[in-house]
Amino acid sequence: MRMRRKRKLLYRIERCGHLLIREPEKLYGRWLDEIKYNKLRIELGCGKGLFTVETAKNEPDVLIIALEKISNVLVVALEKTEQAGLSNVRYINRFAEDITDFFAEGEVSRIYINFCDPWPANRHKKRRLTGEPFLELYKHVLCPDGEIHFKTDNLPLFEFSRSEFERCGFYLKEVVYNLHESGAVGVMTDYEEKFHETGMPIYRFVGVKQ
């Protein structure tokens, strides 16, 4: 079902325009020089921005660049960031497959992928953000020993992702099949909070570039 356009969408986005990077290609290789922080991390598909904002609050010396292609949810993330008064977050309204146009080789220290679309049909597996075509892009922009933090509620996607990461040469650590079994762990996304309330298991691992 098509998402209904939010009222005053463009106006609301413009109000937070200083947080939106409209031409990220111009910052290629220069993110930390232009926006003065110690480390650069990216989040793919940030949704409404709960994870983005809380992570940025917890690590104020880290610059987080969040990509979100759906303007209807991006605007909520922008507004949350504005209300929180954060200066270490920026947003890009573009697709994950473009990241090598935005970030130089070895420029990124960590990538977050939280609850991405599982694309369950086998014919669509090339669209999965944890499949080999995307992993090769991530390897290019990640620094040596750079990490990908992956969470999902979808077990088939989790197992597929484990296999793809290992096939692409990532070392896997912190592999967990029920992240919040003994209580909430770490920063949650909007979806994750809902899943946790219903007792649904959350699967997580960290992939390290070797």
N, C-alpha and C. Protein backbone atom coordinates (compact mmCIF):
# COMPACT_ATOMS: atom_id res chain seq x y z
N MET A 1 0.83 -1.19 0.00
CA MET A 1 0.00 0.00 0.00
C MET A 1 0.88 1.25 0.00
N ARG A 2 0.55 2.20 -0.83
CA ARG A 2 1.33 3.42 -0.97
C ARG A 2 1.16 4.31 0.26
N MET A 3 2.30 4.84 0.75
CA MET A 3 2.26 5.69 1.93
C MET A 3 1.68 7.06 1.57
N ARG A 4 0.77 7.54 2.39
CA ARG A 4 0.15 8.84 2.16
C ARG A 4 1.15 9.95 2.46
N ARG A 5 1.22 10.93 1.58
CA ARG A 5 2.15 12.04 1.74
C ARG A 5 1.77 12.87 2.97
N LYS A 6 2.77 13.17 3.81
CA LYS A 6 2.51 13.96 5.01
C LYS A 6 2.18 15.41 4.64
N ARG A 7 1.35 16.03 5.45
CA ARG A 7 0.98 17.43 5.23
C ARG A 7 2.20 18.33 5.39
N LYS A 8 2.31 19.32 4.51
CA LYS A 8 3.38 20.32 4.55
C LYS A 8 4.75 19.65 4.54
N LEU A 9 4.88 18.56 3.80
CA LEU A 9 6.12 17.78 3.82
C LEU A 9 7.33 18.62 3.43
N LEU A 10 7.25 19.28 2.29
CA LEU A 10 8.41 20.04 1.81
C LEU A 10 8.75 21.20 2.75
N TYR A 11 7.73 21.84 3.28
CA TYR A 11 7.96 22.93 4.23
C TYR A 11 8.67 22.41 5.48
N ARG A 12 8.22 21.26 5.99
CA ARG A 12 8.82 20.69 7.20
C ARG A 12 10.26 20.27 6.94
N ILE A 13 10.53 19.73 5.76
CA ILE A 13 11.91 19.36 5.43
C ILE A 13 12.79 20.60 5.34
N GLU A 14 12.28 21.64 4.71
CA GLU A 14 13.06 22.87 4.55
C GLU A 14 13.39 23.51 5.91
N ARG A 15 12.49 23.39 6.86
CA ARG A 15 12.73 23.95 8.20
C ARG A 15 13.96 23.30 8.85
N CYS A 16 14.25 22.06 8.47
CA CYS A 16 15.40 21.34 9.02
C CYS A 16 16.49 21.18 7.96
N GLY A 17 16.48 22.07 6.98
CA GLY A 17 17.34 21.93 5.82
C GLY A 17 18.82 21.91 6.13
N HIS A 18 19.24 22.54 7.24
CA HIS A 18 20.66 22.55 7.59
C HIS A 18 21.17 21.16 7.97
N LEU A 19 20.26 20.22 8.24
CA LEU A 19 20.65 18.85 8.59
C LEU A 19 20.68 17.93 7.37
N LEU A 20 20.21 18.41 6.24
CA LEU A 20 20.09 17.60 5.03
C LEU A 20 21.21 17.94 4.05
N ILE A 21 21.97 16.94 3.66
CA ILE A 21 23.05 17.11 2.69
C ILE A 21 22.47 16.84 1.30
N ARG A 22 22.29 17.88 0.52
CA ARG A 22 21.62 17.75 -0.78
C ARG A 22 22.56 17.29 -1.89
N GLU A 23 23.85 17.59 -1.74
CA GLU A 23 24.83 17.19 -2.74
C GLU A 23 26.00 16.48 -2.05
N PRO A 24 25.76 15.26 -1.57
CA PRO A 24 26.80 14.56 -0.78
C PRO A 24 28.07 14.27 -1.58
N GLU A 25 27.95 14.21 -2.90
CA GLU A 25 29.14 13.96 -3.73
C GLU A 25 30.22 15.01 -3.50
N LYS A 26 29.80 16.23 -3.15
CA LYS A 26 30.76 17.32 -2.95
C LYS A 26 31.59 17.15 -1.68
N LEU A 27 31.15 16.28 -0.78
CA LEU A 27 31.89 16.03 0.45
C LEU A 27 32.71 14.74 0.38
N TYR A 28 32.75 14.12 -0.77
CA TYR A 28 33.48 12.87 -0.98
C TYR A 28 34.92 13.01 -0.48
N GLY A 29 35.28 12.15 0.47
CA GLY A 29 36.64 12.15 1.01
C GLY A 29 36.95 13.28 1.97
N ARG A 30 35.97 14.15 2.28
CA ARG A 30 36.25 15.34 3.08
C ARG A 30 35.26 15.53 4.23
N TRP A 31 34.49 14.52 4.54
CA TRP A 31 33.43 14.67 5.54
C TRP A 31 33.96 15.17 6.88
N LEU A 32 35.01 14.54 7.37
CA LEU A 32 35.52 14.89 8.70
C LEU A 32 36.32 16.20 8.68
N ASP A 33 36.79 16.58 7.52
CA ASP A 33 37.46 17.88 7.40
C ASP A 33 36.44 19.01 7.40
N GLU A 34 35.32 18.79 6.72
CA GLU A 34 34.31 19.83 6.59
C GLU A 34 33.37 19.91 7.79
N ILE A 35 33.03 18.74 8.34
CA ILE A 35 32.16 18.69 9.53
C ILE A 35 33.02 18.07 10.63
N LYS A 36 33.50 18.87 11.52
CA LYS A 36 34.63 18.54 12.40
C LYS A 36 34.29 17.52 13.49
N TYR A 37 34.51 16.24 13.18
CA TYR A 37 34.34 15.18 14.17
C TYR A 37 35.45 14.16 14.02
N ASN A 38 35.56 13.25 15.00
CA ASN A 38 36.67 12.30 15.03
C ASN A 38 36.46 11.06 14.19
N LYS A 39 35.20 10.62 14.08
CA LYS A 39 34.90 9.40 13.34
C LYS A 39 33.65 9.60 12.51
N LEU A 40 33.58 8.85 11.42
CA LEU A 40 32.42 8.91 10.53
C LEU A 40 31.73 7.56 10.47
N ARG A 41 30.44 7.56 10.79
CA ARG A 41 29.63 6.35 10.68
C ARG A 41 28.43 6.65 9.80
N ILE A 42 27.90 5.62 9.15
CA ILE A 42 26.69 5.82 8.35
C ILE A 42 25.64 4.80 8.76
N GLU A 43 24.40 5.23 8.63
CA GLU A 43 23.25 4.36 8.90
C GLU A 43 22.43 4.26 7.62
N LEU A 44 22.11 3.05 7.22
CA LEU A 44 21.37 2.83 5.98
C LEU A 44 19.91 2.55 6.29
N GLY A 45 19.02 3.44 5.85
CA GLY A 45 17.60 3.28 6.12
C GLY A 45 17.27 3.63 7.55
N CYS A 46 17.38 4.90 7.90
CA CYS A 46 17.24 5.29 9.32
C CYS A 46 15.79 5.38 9.77
N GLY A 47 14.82 5.31 8.85
CA GLY A 47 13.42 5.39 9.26
C GLY A 47 13.13 6.71 9.95
N LYS A 48 12.42 6.64 11.08
CA LYS A 48 12.01 7.85 11.80
C LYS A 48 13.08 8.40 12.74
N GLY A 49 14.24 7.76 12.75
CA GLY A 49 15.40 8.37 13.38
C GLY A 49 15.61 8.15 14.87
N LEU A 50 14.84 7.28 15.51
CA LEU A 50 15.04 7.07 16.94
C LEU A 50 16.45 6.55 17.23
N PHE A 51 16.86 5.52 16.51
CA PHE A 51 18.20 4.95 16.70
C PHE A 51 19.27 5.99 16.39
N THR A 52 19.08 6.73 15.32
CA THR A 52 20.05 7.75 14.90
C THR A 52 20.26 8.77 16.01
N VAL A 53 19.17 9.32 16.51
CA VAL A 53 19.23 10.39 17.50
C VAL A 53 19.83 9.90 18.81
N GLU A 54 19.39 8.74 19.29
CA GLU A 54 19.89 8.24 20.57
C GLU A 54 21.36 7.84 20.48
N THR A 55 21.77 7.28 19.36
CA THR A 55 23.18 6.93 19.17
C THR A 55 24.04 8.18 19.14
N ALA A 56 23.56 9.20 18.45
CA ALA A 56 24.31 10.47 18.37
C ALA A 56 24.43 11.13 19.74
N LYS A 57 23.39 11.03 20.55
CA LYS A 57 23.45 11.58 21.92
C LYS A 57 24.51 10.86 22.74
N ASN A 58 24.58 9.55 22.57
CA ASN A 58 25.51 8.74 23.37
C ASN A 58 26.96 8.91 22.95
N GLU A 59 27.19 9.30 21.69
CA GLU A 59 28.55 9.42 21.16
C GLU A 59 28.72 10.77 20.47
N PRO A 60 28.82 11.84 21.24
CA PRO A 60 28.83 13.17 20.66
C PRO A 60 30.06 13.53 19.83
N ASP A 61 31.12 12.70 19.91
CA ASP A 61 32.32 12.98 19.12
C ASP A 61 32.31 12.28 17.77
N VAL A 62 31.21 11.55 17.47
CA VAL A 62 31.09 10.78 16.24
C VAL A 62 30.10 11.46 15.30
N LEU A 63 30.46 11.58 14.04
CA LEU A 63 29.55 12.11 13.02
C LEU A 63 28.76 10.96 12.41
N ILE A 64 27.45 11.05 12.45
CA ILE A 64 26.58 10.02 11.89
C ILE A 64 25.86 10.58 10.66
N ILE A 65 26.04 9.92 9.54
CA ILE A 65 25.34 10.27 8.30
C ILE A 65 24.30 9.20 8.04
N ALA A 66 23.03 9.58 8.08
CA ALA A 66 21.94 8.62 7.93
C ALA A 66 21.30 8.77 6.56
N LEU A 67 21.18 7.66 5.85
CA LEU A 67 20.52 7.65 4.55
C LEU A 67 19.09 7.15 4.70
N GLU A 68 18.15 7.85 4.08
CA GLU A 68 16.76 7.42 4.08
C GLU A 68 16.12 7.91 2.78
N LYS A 69 15.62 6.97 1.98
CA LYS A 69 15.09 7.33 0.66
C LYS A 69 13.64 7.77 0.71
N ILE A 70 12.91 7.47 1.79
CA ILE A 70 11.48 7.81 1.86
C ILE A 70 11.31 9.13 2.61
N SER A 71 10.93 10.16 1.89
CA SER A 71 10.83 11.50 2.47
C SER A 71 9.82 11.57 3.61
N ASN A 72 8.76 10.77 3.52
CA ASN A 72 7.71 10.79 4.54
C ASN A 72 8.21 10.41 5.93
N VAL A 73 9.20 9.52 6.00
CA VAL A 73 9.77 9.15 7.29
C VAL A 73 11.03 9.96 7.58
N LEU A 74 11.74 10.35 6.55
CA LEU A 74 12.93 11.19 6.74
C LEU A 74 12.59 12.47 7.48
N VAL A 75 11.45 13.06 7.15
CA VAL A 75 11.09 14.32 7.79
C VAL A 75 10.94 14.16 9.31
N VAL A 76 10.45 13.02 9.75
CA VAL A 76 10.31 12.76 11.19
C VAL A 76 11.70 12.68 11.84
N ALA A 77 12.64 12.01 11.17
CA ALA A 77 14.00 11.91 11.69
C ALA A 77 14.66 13.29 11.77
N LEU A 78 14.46 14.09 10.74
CA LEU A 78 15.00 15.45 10.74
C LEU A 78 14.47 16.25 11.92
N GLU A 79 13.17 16.16 12.14
CA GLU A 79 12.55 16.93 13.22
C GLU A 79 13.00 16.45 14.60
N LYS A 80 13.18 15.15 14.76
CA LYS A 80 13.69 14.62 16.03
C LYS A 80 15.10 15.14 16.31
N THR A 81 15.90 15.17 15.27
CA THR A 81 17.28 15.64 15.42
C THR A 81 17.32 17.12 15.76
N GLU A 82 16.48 17.87 15.09
CA GLU A 82 16.38 19.31 15.36
C GLU A 82 15.94 19.57 16.80
N GLN A 83 14.92 18.85 17.24
CA GLN A 83 14.40 19.03 18.60
C GLN A 83 15.42 18.64 19.66
N ALA A 84 16.27 17.66 19.32
CA ALA A 84 17.30 17.21 20.27
C ALA A 84 18.51 18.15 20.30
N GLY A 85 18.58 19.08 19.35
CA GLY A 85 19.68 20.03 19.31
C GLY A 85 21.02 19.41 18.97
N LEU A 86 21.00 18.34 18.16
CA LEU A 86 22.24 17.62 17.84
C LEU A 86 22.96 18.26 16.65
N SER A 87 24.28 18.34 16.76
CA SER A 87 25.08 18.87 15.65
C SER A 87 25.89 17.80 14.94
N ASN A 88 25.87 16.57 15.47
CA ASN A 88 26.70 15.50 14.90
C ASN A 88 25.91 14.50 14.06
N VAL A 89 24.79 14.95 13.49
CA VAL A 89 23.98 14.11 12.60
C VAL A 89 23.67 14.89 11.32
N ARG A 90 23.78 14.21 10.18
CA ARG A 90 23.33 14.76 8.91
C ARG A 90 22.56 13.66 8.18
N TYR A 91 21.72 14.06 7.24
CA TYR A 91 20.88 13.11 6.50
C TYR A 91 21.08 13.26 5.00
N ILE A 92 20.92 12.13 4.31
CA ILE A 92 20.97 12.10 2.85
C ILE A 92 19.71 11.40 2.36
N ASN A 93 18.96 12.05 1.50
CA ASN A 93 17.71 11.50 0.96
C ASN A 93 18.00 10.74 -0.34
N ARG A 94 18.81 9.69 -0.22
CA ARG A 94 19.23 8.93 -1.40
C ARG A 94 19.29 7.44 -1.05
N PHE A 95 19.75 6.65 -2.02
CA PHE A 95 19.74 5.20 -1.91
C PHE A 95 21.09 4.66 -1.46
N ALA A 96 21.06 3.50 -0.81
CA ALA A 96 22.28 2.87 -0.29
C ALA A 96 23.25 2.49 -1.40
N GLU A 97 22.74 2.16 -2.59
CA GLU A 97 23.63 1.74 -3.67
C GLU A 97 24.50 2.88 -4.20
N ASP A 98 24.24 4.11 -3.74
CA ASP A 98 25.02 5.26 -4.18
C ASP A 98 26.17 5.61 -3.24
N ILE A 99 26.39 4.83 -2.18
CA ILE A 99 27.32 5.28 -1.13
C ILE A 99 28.75 5.47 -1.63
N THR A 100 29.18 4.73 -2.65
CA THR A 100 30.55 4.93 -3.12
C THR A 100 30.69 6.23 -3.91
N ASP A 101 29.58 6.88 -4.22
CA ASP A 101 29.63 8.22 -4.80
C ASP A 101 29.78 9.29 -3.73
N PHE A 102 29.43 8.93 -2.49
CA PHE A 102 29.42 9.91 -1.39
C PHE A 102 30.65 9.80 -0.49
N PHE A 103 31.14 8.56 -0.32
CA PHE A 103 32.21 8.31 0.64
C PHE A 103 33.41 7.68 -0.05
N ALA A 104 34.59 8.15 0.30
CA ALA A 104 35.82 7.66 -0.31
C ALA A 104 36.24 6.33 0.28
N GLU A 105 37.18 5.69 -0.36
CA GLU A 105 37.69 4.41 0.12
C GLU A 105 38.27 4.57 1.53
N GLY A 106 37.80 3.73 2.45
CA GLY A 106 38.30 3.72 3.81
C GLY A 106 37.88 4.89 4.68
N GLU A 107 36.88 5.65 4.25
CA GLU A 107 36.51 6.87 4.97
C GLU A 107 35.58 6.62 6.16
N VAL A 108 34.90 5.48 6.17
CA VAL A 108 33.84 5.19 7.14
C VAL A 108 34.33 4.16 8.16
N SER A 109 34.04 4.40 9.43
CA SER A 109 34.49 3.45 10.46
C SER A 109 33.43 2.41 10.82
N ARG A 110 32.16 2.75 10.62
CA ARG A 110 31.09 1.82 10.99
C ARG A 110 29.85 2.09 10.15
N ILE A 111 29.13 1.00 9.85
CA ILE A 111 27.85 1.08 9.13
C ILE A 111 26.80 0.38 9.98
N TYR A 112 25.65 1.03 10.13
CA TYR A 112 24.51 0.42 10.81
C TYR A 112 23.46 0.02 9.78
N ILE A 113 22.99 -1.22 9.87
CA ILE A 113 21.88 -1.70 9.04
C ILE A 113 20.85 -2.31 9.99
N ASN A 114 19.76 -1.62 10.20
CA ASN A 114 18.76 -2.05 11.16
C ASN A 114 17.43 -2.35 10.48
N PHE A 115 17.00 -3.59 10.54
CA PHE A 115 15.65 -3.99 10.11
C PHE A 115 15.36 -3.58 8.67
N CYS A 116 16.29 -3.91 7.79
CA CYS A 116 16.10 -3.61 6.38
C CYS A 116 15.05 -4.55 5.77
N ASP A 117 14.54 -4.16 4.62
CA ASP A 117 13.55 -4.97 3.90
C ASP A 117 14.16 -6.34 3.58
N PRO A 118 13.51 -7.43 3.98
CA PRO A 118 14.10 -8.76 3.75
C PRO A 118 14.02 -9.24 2.30
N TRP A 119 13.18 -8.61 1.48
CA TRP A 119 13.00 -9.06 0.08
C TRP A 119 12.98 -10.59 0.02
N PRO A 120 11.93 -11.22 0.55
CA PRO A 120 11.93 -12.68 0.76
C PRO A 120 11.98 -13.51 -0.52
N ALA A 121 11.46 -13.00 -1.63
CA ALA A 121 11.48 -13.78 -2.87
C ALA A 121 12.91 -13.95 -3.37
N ASN A 122 13.27 -15.15 -3.76
CA ASN A 122 14.63 -15.43 -4.20
C ASN A 122 15.04 -14.56 -5.38
N ARG A 123 14.08 -14.22 -6.23
CA ARG A 123 14.41 -13.41 -7.41
C ARG A 123 14.80 -11.98 -7.04
N HIS A 124 14.51 -11.59 -5.79
CA HIS A 124 14.81 -10.24 -5.34
C HIS A 124 16.04 -10.17 -4.42
N LYS A 125 16.78 -11.27 -4.29
CA LYS A 125 17.84 -11.29 -3.28
C LYS A 125 18.94 -10.26 -3.54
N LYS A 126 19.11 -9.83 -4.80
CA LYS A 126 20.11 -8.81 -5.09
C LYS A 126 19.75 -7.45 -4.50
N ARG A 127 18.48 -7.30 -4.09
CA ARG A 127 18.05 -6.04 -3.48
C ARG A 127 18.30 -6.00 -1.98
N ARG A 128 18.63 -7.13 -1.39
CA ARG A 128 18.85 -7.17 0.06
C ARG A 128 20.12 -6.41 0.42
N LEU A 129 20.02 -5.53 1.39
CA LEU A 129 21.15 -4.68 1.76
C LEU A 129 22.30 -5.46 2.37
N THR A 130 22.08 -6.73 2.68
CA THR A 130 23.14 -7.56 3.26
C THR A 130 23.62 -8.61 2.27
N GLY A 131 23.31 -8.44 1.00
CA GLY A 131 23.78 -9.35 -0.03
C GLY A 131 25.12 -8.93 -0.59
N GLU A 132 25.76 -9.81 -1.33
CA GLU A 132 27.12 -9.58 -1.83
C GLU A 132 27.29 -8.28 -2.61
N PRO A 133 26.38 -7.90 -3.53
CA PRO A 133 26.60 -6.64 -4.27
C PRO A 133 26.74 -5.43 -3.36
N PHE A 134 25.92 -5.36 -2.31
CA PHE A 134 26.02 -4.25 -1.37
C PHE A 134 27.23 -4.39 -0.47
N LEU A 135 27.55 -5.61 -0.06
CA LEU A 135 28.69 -5.81 0.84
C LEU A 135 30.00 -5.36 0.19
N GLU A 136 30.11 -5.53 -1.12
CA GLU A 136 31.31 -5.07 -1.81
C GLU A 136 31.41 -3.54 -1.79
N LEU A 137 30.28 -2.87 -1.85
CA LEU A 137 30.27 -1.40 -1.72
C LEU A 137 30.70 -0.98 -0.32
N TYR A 138 30.17 -1.68 0.68
CA TYR A 138 30.52 -1.35 2.06
C TYR A 138 32.02 -1.56 2.32
N LYS A 139 32.55 -2.65 1.80
CA LYS A 139 33.97 -2.93 1.99
C LYS A 139 34.83 -1.80 1.43
N HIS A 140 34.39 -1.21 0.34
CA HIS A 140 35.15 -0.12 -0.28
C HIS A 140 35.23 1.11 0.63
N VAL A 141 34.11 1.49 1.23
CA VAL A 141 34.10 2.73 2.03
C VAL A 141 34.56 2.51 3.47
N LEU A 142 34.56 1.27 3.95
CA LEU A 142 34.99 0.99 5.32
C LEU A 142 36.51 1.04 5.46
N CYS A 143 36.96 1.55 6.59
CA CYS A 143 38.39 1.53 6.91
C CYS A 143 38.80 0.11 7.33
N PRO A 144 40.10 -0.18 7.39
CA PRO A 144 40.54 -1.48 7.92
C PRO A 144 39.98 -1.70 9.32
N ASP A 145 39.45 -2.89 9.55
CA ASP A 145 38.78 -3.25 10.81
C ASP A 145 37.47 -2.49 11.02
N GLY A 146 36.97 -1.82 9.98
CA GLY A 146 35.67 -1.18 10.07
C GLY A 146 34.57 -2.22 10.26
N GLU A 147 33.47 -1.79 10.86
CA GLU A 147 32.43 -2.73 11.27
C GLU A 147 31.08 -2.42 10.63
N ILE A 148 30.30 -3.48 10.44
CA ILE A 148 28.90 -3.36 10.07
C ILE A 148 28.07 -3.98 11.19
N HIS A 149 27.20 -3.19 11.79
CA HIS A 149 26.32 -3.66 12.86
C HIS A 149 24.94 -3.92 12.24
N PHE A 150 24.51 -5.17 12.29
CA PHE A 150 23.29 -5.59 11.62
C PHE A 150 22.29 -6.17 12.60
N LYS A 151 21.04 -5.70 12.52
CA LYS A 151 19.94 -6.24 13.34
C LYS A 151 18.72 -6.49 12.46
N THR A 152 17.99 -7.56 12.79
CA THR A 152 16.76 -7.89 12.06
C THR A 152 15.85 -8.73 12.94
N ASP A 153 14.58 -8.74 12.59
CA ASP A 153 13.62 -9.64 13.24
C ASP A 153 13.32 -10.84 12.35
N ASN A 154 13.99 -10.92 11.19
CA ASN A 154 13.68 -11.92 10.17
C ASN A 154 14.78 -12.99 10.16
N LEU A 155 14.47 -14.19 10.65
CA LEU A 155 15.48 -15.24 10.76
C LEU A 155 16.04 -15.68 9.41
N PRO A 156 15.21 -15.91 8.38
CA PRO A 156 15.79 -16.27 7.08
C PRO A 156 16.76 -15.22 6.55
N LEU A 157 16.44 -13.93 6.72
CA LEU A 157 17.35 -12.88 6.29
C LEU A 157 18.63 -12.92 7.12
N PHE A 158 18.50 -13.19 8.40
CA PHE A 158 19.67 -13.26 9.28
C PHE A 158 20.63 -14.36 8.82
N GLU A 159 20.09 -15.53 8.54
CA GLU A 159 20.94 -16.65 8.11
C GLU A 159 21.55 -16.37 6.74
N PHE A 160 20.76 -15.82 5.84
CA PHE A 160 21.28 -15.42 4.53
C PHE A 160 22.43 -14.43 4.70
N SER A 161 22.24 -13.45 5.58
CA SER A 161 23.23 -12.40 5.78
C SER A 161 24.52 -12.95 6.37
N ARG A 162 24.40 -13.85 7.33
CA ARG A 162 25.60 -14.47 7.90
C ARG A 162 26.42 -15.14 6.82
N SER A 163 25.75 -15.88 5.95
CA SER A 163 26.44 -16.58 4.88
C SER A 163 27.12 -15.61 3.91
N GLU A 164 26.39 -14.54 3.55
CA GLU A 164 26.93 -13.57 2.60
C GLU A 164 28.13 -12.82 3.19
N PHE A 165 28.04 -12.43 4.44
CA PHE A 165 29.16 -11.72 5.08
C PHE A 165 30.41 -12.59 5.10
N GLU A 166 30.25 -13.84 5.49
CA GLU A 166 31.40 -14.74 5.56
C GLU A 166 31.97 -15.00 4.17
N ARG A 167 31.09 -15.13 3.18
CA ARG A 167 31.55 -15.36 1.80
C ARG A 167 32.32 -14.16 1.27
N CYS A 168 31.97 -12.97 1.76
CA CYS A 168 32.65 -11.75 1.30
C CYS A 168 33.86 -11.38 2.16
N GLY A 169 34.24 -12.27 3.06
CA GLY A 169 35.47 -12.08 3.80
C GLY A 169 35.37 -11.31 5.10
N PHE A 170 34.16 -11.09 5.59
CA PHE A 170 34.00 -10.43 6.89
C PHE A 170 34.16 -11.44 8.02
N TYR A 171 34.75 -10.99 9.10
CA TYR A 171 34.80 -11.79 10.33
C TYR A 171 33.57 -11.44 11.16
N LEU A 172 32.82 -12.45 11.61
CA LEU A 172 31.60 -12.22 12.38
C LEU A 172 31.87 -12.37 13.88
N LYS A 173 31.32 -11.44 14.64
CA LYS A 173 31.41 -11.51 16.10
C LYS A 173 30.07 -11.05 16.69
N GLU A 174 29.91 -11.30 17.97
CA GLU A 174 28.69 -10.90 18.69
C GLU A 174 27.42 -11.39 17.98
N VAL A 175 27.46 -12.64 17.56
CA VAL A 175 26.30 -13.24 16.88
C VAL A 175 25.28 -13.66 17.93
N VAL A 176 24.09 -13.08 17.88
CA VAL A 176 23.08 -13.30 18.91
C VAL A 176 21.73 -13.59 18.26
N TYR A 177 21.02 -14.60 18.79
CA TYR A 177 19.72 -14.98 18.24
C TYR A 177 18.54 -14.45 19.04
N ASN A 178 18.79 -13.84 20.18
CA ASN A 178 17.70 -13.21 20.93
C ASN A 178 18.32 -12.09 21.76
N LEU A 179 18.56 -10.98 21.12
CA LEU A 179 19.36 -9.89 21.69
C LEU A 179 18.84 -9.41 23.03
N HIS A 180 17.54 -9.27 23.17
CA HIS A 180 16.96 -8.67 24.37
C HIS A 180 16.35 -9.71 25.32
N GLU A 181 16.81 -10.95 25.23
CA GLU A 181 16.24 -12.04 26.01
C GLU A 181 16.28 -11.76 27.52
N SER A 182 17.36 -11.14 27.97
CA SER A 182 17.51 -10.89 29.41
C SER A 182 17.31 -9.42 29.76
N GLY A 183 16.68 -8.69 28.86
CA GLY A 183 16.46 -7.26 29.07
C GLY A 183 17.00 -6.45 27.90
N ALA A 184 16.51 -5.24 27.76
CA ALA A 184 16.87 -4.40 26.62
C ALA A 184 18.38 -4.16 26.56
N VAL A 185 18.93 -4.28 25.35
CA VAL A 185 20.36 -4.10 25.12
C VAL A 185 20.57 -3.00 24.08
N GLY A 186 21.32 -1.99 24.44
CA GLY A 186 21.70 -0.96 23.48
C GLY A 186 20.54 -0.08 23.04
N VAL A 187 20.81 0.72 22.00
CA VAL A 187 19.82 1.63 21.46
C VAL A 187 18.91 0.89 20.50
N MET A 188 17.61 1.09 20.64
CA MET A 188 16.64 0.43 19.77
C MET A 188 16.12 1.38 18.70
N THR A 189 15.64 0.79 17.61
CA THR A 189 14.92 1.55 16.59
C THR A 189 13.44 1.62 17.00
N ASP A 190 12.66 2.41 16.24
CA ASP A 190 11.21 2.47 16.49
C ASP A 190 10.58 1.09 16.34
N TYR A 191 10.92 0.39 15.25
CA TYR A 191 10.39 -0.95 15.03
C TYR A 191 10.81 -1.91 16.13
N GLU A 192 12.06 -1.80 16.51
CA GLU A 192 12.61 -2.73 17.50
C GLU A 192 11.90 -2.63 18.84
N GLU A 193 11.56 -1.42 19.24
CA GLU A 193 10.81 -1.25 20.49
C GLU A 193 9.48 -2.00 20.45
N LYS A 194 8.80 -1.92 19.31
CA LYS A 194 7.52 -2.62 19.15
C LYS A 194 7.72 -4.13 19.17
N PHE A 195 8.74 -4.60 18.48
CA PHE A 195 9.03 -6.04 18.45
C PHE A 195 9.35 -6.55 19.85
N HIS A 196 10.15 -5.78 20.57
CA HIS A 196 10.56 -6.19 21.92
C HIS A 196 9.36 -6.30 22.85
N GLU A 197 8.43 -5.38 22.73
CA GLU A 197 7.23 -5.39 23.58
C GLU A 197 6.39 -6.64 23.36
N THR A 198 6.41 -7.19 22.15
CA THR A 198 5.64 -8.40 21.85
C THR A 198 6.42 -9.68 22.12
N GLY A 199 7.68 -9.55 22.54
CA GLY A 199 8.49 -10.73 22.82
C GLY A 199 9.14 -11.34 21.60
N MET A 200 9.10 -10.66 20.47
CA MET A 200 9.69 -11.18 19.25
C MET A 200 11.22 -11.14 19.35
N PRO A 201 11.92 -12.24 19.02
CA PRO A 201 13.38 -12.23 19.11
C PRO A 201 14.02 -11.31 18.07
N ILE A 202 15.10 -10.68 18.48
CA ILE A 202 15.88 -9.81 17.59
C ILE A 202 17.22 -10.49 17.35
N TYR A 203 17.60 -10.60 16.09
CA TYR A 203 18.85 -11.24 15.70
C TYR A 203 19.88 -10.16 15.38
N ARG A 204 21.12 -10.39 15.81
CA ARG A 204 22.15 -9.37 15.62
C ARG A 204 23.53 -9.99 15.45
N PHE A 205 24.33 -9.37 14.61
CA PHE A 205 25.77 -9.68 14.57
C PHE A 205 26.53 -8.44 14.12
N VAL A 206 27.85 -8.51 14.32
CA VAL A 206 28.75 -7.47 13.85
C VAL A 206 29.71 -8.11 12.86
N GLY A 207 29.80 -7.52 11.67
CA GLY A 207 30.75 -7.98 10.65
C GLY A 207 31.94 -7.04 10.62
N VAL A 208 33.15 -7.61 10.67
CA VAL A 208 34.38 -6.81 10.70
C VAL A 208 35.12 -7.00 9.38
N LYS A 209 35.48 -5.90 8.75
CA LYS A 209 36.25 -5.95 7.52
C LYS A 209 37.66 -6.43 7.83
N GLN A 210 38.12 -7.41 7.06
CA GLN A 210 39.47 -7.96 7.29
C GLN A 210 40.40 -7.57 6.15
